[in-house]
C-alpha atoms as a PDB file:
ATOM      1  CA  MET A   1      15.946   9.554  22.027  1.00  0.00           C
ATOM      2  CA  GLN A   2      18.786   9.051  19.237  1.00  0.00           C
ATOM      3  CA  LYS A   3      17.075   5.337  18.843  1.00  0.00           C
ATOM      4  CA  PHE A   4      13.832   7.499  18.813  1.00  0.00           C
ATOM      5  CA  PHE A   5      15.216   9.353  15.724  1.00  0.00           C
ATOM      6  CA  LYS A   6      16.867   6.024  13.830  1.00  0.00           C
ATOM      7  CA  ALA A   7      13.799   4.318  14.413  1.00  0.00           C
ATOM      8  CA  PHE A   8      12.379   6.613  11.587  1.00  0.00           C
ATOM      9  CA  VAL A   9      15.535   6.453   9.727  1.00  0.00           C
ATOM     10  CA  TYR A  10      15.002   2.681   9.449  1.00  0.00           C
ATOM     11  CA  ALA A  11      11.299   3.458   8.693  1.00  0.00           C
ATOM     12  CA  GLY A  12      11.606   6.053   5.634  1.00  0.00           C
ATOM     13  CA  ASN A  13      15.139   3.366   3.952  1.00  0.00           C
ATOM     14  CA  GLY A  14      12.119  -0.068   4.315  1.00  0.00           C
ATOM     15  CA  ILE A  15       9.881   2.565   2.661  1.00  0.00           C
ATOM     16  CA  LEU A  16      12.617   4.098   0.016  1.00  0.00           C
ATOM     17  CA  HIS A  17      13.725  -0.178  -0.573  1.00  0.00           C
ATOM     18  CA  GLY A  18      10.047  -0.795  -1.210  1.00  0.00           C
ATOM     19  CA  ILE A  19       9.302   1.872  -3.696  1.00  0.00           C
ATOM     20  CA  ILE A  20      13.060   1.231  -5.524  1.00  0.00           C
ATOM     21  CA  ALA A  21      12.686  -2.612  -5.128  1.00  0.00           C
ATOM     22  CA  GLU A  22       9.355  -3.491  -5.341  1.00  0.00           C
ATOM     23  CA  ARG A  23       7.358  -2.966  -8.610  1.00  0.00           C
ATOM     24  CA  ASN A  24       3.987  -3.050  -6.781  1.00  0.00           C
ATOM     25  CA  VAL A  25       5.024  -0.252  -4.436  1.00  0.00           C
ATOM     26  CA  LYS A  26       5.872   1.141  -7.338  1.00  0.00           C
ATOM     27  CA  PHE A  27       2.198   1.192  -8.888  1.00  0.00           C
ATOM     28  CA  HIS A  28       0.330   1.975  -5.733  1.00  0.00           C
ATOM     29  CA  VAL A  29       2.454   4.858  -5.524  1.00  0.00           C
ATOM     30  CA  LEU A  30       1.742   5.717  -8.792  1.00  0.00           C
ATOM     31  CA  ALA A  31      -1.452   5.630  -8.600  1.00  0.00           C
ATOM     32  CA  ALA A  32      -1.715   7.841  -4.905  1.00  0.00           C
ATOM     33  CA  ILE A  33       0.068  10.304  -7.742  1.00  0.00           C
ATOM     34  CA  ILE A  34      -3.067  10.354 -10.339  1.00  0.00           C
ATOM     35  CA  THR A  35      -5.389   9.932  -7.193  1.00  0.00           C
ATOM     36  CA  PHE A  36      -3.384  12.843  -5.783  1.00  0.00           C
ATOM     37  CA  GLY A  37      -4.489  14.720  -8.921  1.00  0.00           C
ATOM     38  CA  ALA A  38      -7.741  13.902  -9.890  1.00  0.00           C
ATOM     39  CA  GLY A  39      -8.892  14.475  -5.762  1.00  0.00           C
ATOM     40  CA  TRP A  40      -6.838  18.170  -6.732  1.00  0.00           C
ATOM     41  CA  ILE A  41      -9.031  18.616  -9.557  1.00  0.00           C
ATOM     42  CA  THR A  42     -12.378  16.923  -8.649  1.00  0.00           C
ATOM     43  CA  GLY A  43     -12.475  19.842  -5.630  1.00  0.00           C
ATOM     44  CA  LEU A  44     -13.138  17.138  -2.852  1.00  0.00           C
ATOM     45  CA  SER A  45     -13.724  18.184   0.457  1.00  0.00           C
ATOM     46  CA  ARG A  46     -12.121  17.492   3.572  1.00  0.00           C
ATOM     47  CA  VAL A  47     -13.311  14.319   4.576  1.00  0.00           C
ATOM     48  CA  GLU A  48     -13.839  12.946   1.317  1.00  0.00           C
ATOM     49  CA  TRP A  49      -9.691  14.058   1.593  1.00  0.00           C
ATOM     50  CA  PHE A  50      -9.355  12.129   5.047  1.00  0.00           C
ATOM     51  CA  VAL A  51     -10.998   8.638   3.084  1.00  0.00           C
ATOM     52  CA  VAL A  52      -9.171   9.014   0.135  1.00  0.00           C
ATOM     53  CA  LEU A  53      -5.603   9.674   2.520  1.00  0.00           C
ATOM     54  CA  ILE A  54      -6.486   6.781   4.691  1.00  0.00           C
ATOM     55  CA  LEU A  55      -6.808   4.393   1.608  1.00  0.00           C
ATOM     56  CA  ILE A  56      -3.973   5.446   0.016  1.00  0.00           C
ATOM     57  CA  GLY A  57      -1.816   4.976   3.200  1.00  0.00           C
ATOM     58  CA  GLY A  58      -3.214   1.353   4.375  1.00  0.00           C
ATOM     59  CA  MET A  59      -2.744   0.158   0.889  1.00  0.00           C
ATOM     60  CA  LEU A  60       0.810   1.294   1.330  1.00  0.00           C
ATOM     61  CA  ALA A  61       1.786   0.089   4.819  1.00  0.00           C
ATOM     62  CA  LEU A  62      -0.471  -2.872   3.299  1.00  0.00           C
ATOM     63  CA  GLU A  63       2.198  -3.045   0.136  1.00  0.00           C
ATOM     64  CA  LEU A  64       4.072  -2.618   2.572  1.00  0.00           C
ATOM     65  CA  MET A  65       3.822  -5.335   4.253  1.00  0.00           C
ATOM     66  CA  ASN A  66       3.063  -8.172   1.856  1.00  0.00           C
ATOM     67  CA  SER A  67       6.812  -7.316   0.897  1.00  0.00           C
ATOM     68  CA  ALA A  68       7.965  -8.273   4.503  1.00  0.00           C
ATOM     69  CA  VAL A  69       6.205 -11.372   4.519  1.00  0.00           C
ATOM     70  CA  GLU A  70       7.530 -12.427   1.327  1.00  0.00           C
ATOM     71  CA  ARG A  71      11.449 -11.616   2.316  1.00  0.00           C
ATOM     72  CA  VAL A  72      10.891 -12.967   5.449  1.00  0.00           C
ATOM     73  CA  VAL A  73       9.539 -16.545   4.178  1.00  0.00           C
ATOM     74  CA  ASP A  74      11.923 -16.471   1.697  1.00  0.00           C
ATOM     75  CA  LEU A  75      14.147 -16.317   4.103  1.00  0.00           C
ATOM     76  CA  VAL A  76      13.235 -18.741   6.186  1.00  0.00           C
ATOM     77  CA  THR A  77      12.977 -21.256   3.481  1.00  0.00           C
ATOM     78  CA  GLN A  78      14.420 -21.696  -0.089  1.00  0.00           C
ATOM     79  CA  GLU A  79      12.003 -24.924  -0.785  1.00  0.00           C
ATOM     80  CA  ARG A  80       9.161 -24.777  -1.356  1.00  0.00           C
ATOM     81  CA  HIS A  81       6.194 -25.839   0.998  1.00  0.00           C
ATOM     82  CA  PRO A  82       2.924 -25.341   1.591  1.00  0.00           C
ATOM     83  CA  LEU A  83       2.806 -23.699   4.540  1.00  0.00           C
ATOM     84  CA  ALA A  84       5.082 -21.347   2.396  1.00  0.00           C
ATOM     85  CA  LYS A  85       3.454 -20.493  -0.327  1.00  0.00           C
ATOM     86  CA  GLN A  86      -0.186 -20.742   1.995  1.00  0.00           C
ATOM     87  CA  ALA A  87       1.165 -17.621   3.891  1.00  0.00           C
ATOM     88  CA  LYS A  88       2.649 -15.633   0.928  1.00  0.00           C
ATOM     89  CA  ASP A  89      -0.797 -16.024  -0.469  1.00  0.00           C
ATOM     90  CA  LEU A  90      -2.847 -14.863   2.709  1.00  0.00           C
ATOM     91  CA  ALA A  91      -0.480 -11.910   2.618  1.00  0.00           C
ATOM     92  CA  SER A  92      -1.538 -11.266  -1.234  1.00  0.00           C
ATOM     93  CA  GLY A  93      -4.889 -11.659  -1.012  1.00  0.00           C
ATOM     94  CA  ALA A  94      -4.936  -9.158   1.728  1.00  0.00           C
ATOM     95  CA  VAL A  95      -3.491  -6.327  -0.185  1.00  0.00           C
ATOM     96  CA  LEU A  96      -6.190  -7.941  -3.600  1.00  0.00           C
ATOM     97  CA  ILE A  97      -9.145  -7.169  -0.648  1.00  0.00           C
ATOM     98  CA  PHE A  98      -7.578  -3.815   0.312  1.00  0.00           C
ATOM     99  CA  ALA A  99      -7.182  -2.757  -3.560  1.00  0.00           C
ATOM    100  CA  VAL A 100     -10.754  -3.695  -4.223  1.00  0.00           C
ATOM    101  CA  VAL A 101     -12.635  -1.870  -1.100  1.00  0.00           C
ATOM    102  CA  SER A 102     -10.154   1.102  -2.055  1.00  0.00           C
ATOM    103  CA  ALA A 103     -11.469   0.696  -5.868  1.00  0.00           C
ATOM    104  CA  VAL A 104     -14.651   0.544  -4.929  1.00  0.00           C
ATOM    105  CA  ILE A 105     -14.977   3.671  -2.642  1.00  0.00           C
ATOM    106  CA  GLY A 106     -12.591   6.159  -4.420  1.00  0.00           C
ATOM    107  CA  LEU A 107     -15.213   5.533  -7.287  1.00  0.00           C
ATOM    108  CA  MET A 108     -18.294   6.034  -5.364  1.00  0.00           C
ATOM    109  CA  ILE A 109     -16.127   8.808  -4.362  1.00  0.00           C
ATOM    110  CA  PHE A 110     -15.000  10.561  -7.864  1.00  0.00           C
ATOM    111  CA  LEU A 111     -17.981   8.868  -9.956  1.00  0.00           C
ATOM    112  CA  PRO A 112     -21.163  11.095  -8.379  1.00  0.00           C
ATOM    113  CA  LYS A 113     -19.287  14.255  -8.717  1.00  0.00           C
ATOM    114  CA  TRP A 114     -18.187  13.470 -12.341  1.00  0.00           C
ATOM    115  CA  LEU A 115     -21.534  12.484 -13.724  1.00  0.00           C
END
């Protein structure tokens, strides 16, 4: 049981490290805070909050995974290798796709309420 709870400590350490050390995680946390505020002021429905929370959680999780991929690639090789670049670019591309889709969905939720 102790190992089970230690896993939460390790996960918390990872999240905290991401927030402290990663510029893009900081940006996404700030965007999440702004989105929460906008959602609160706008009066989102329960379903809209559900969608927004999934998008925020997914974005933060994906950004942390991108950072993990970058760390592992850097650990494996310090030289410039085409596969290392591809791994980093692929992870970064996944984040970009999710960010763009999240922004579009956010606009679909918020704009009709604001206009």
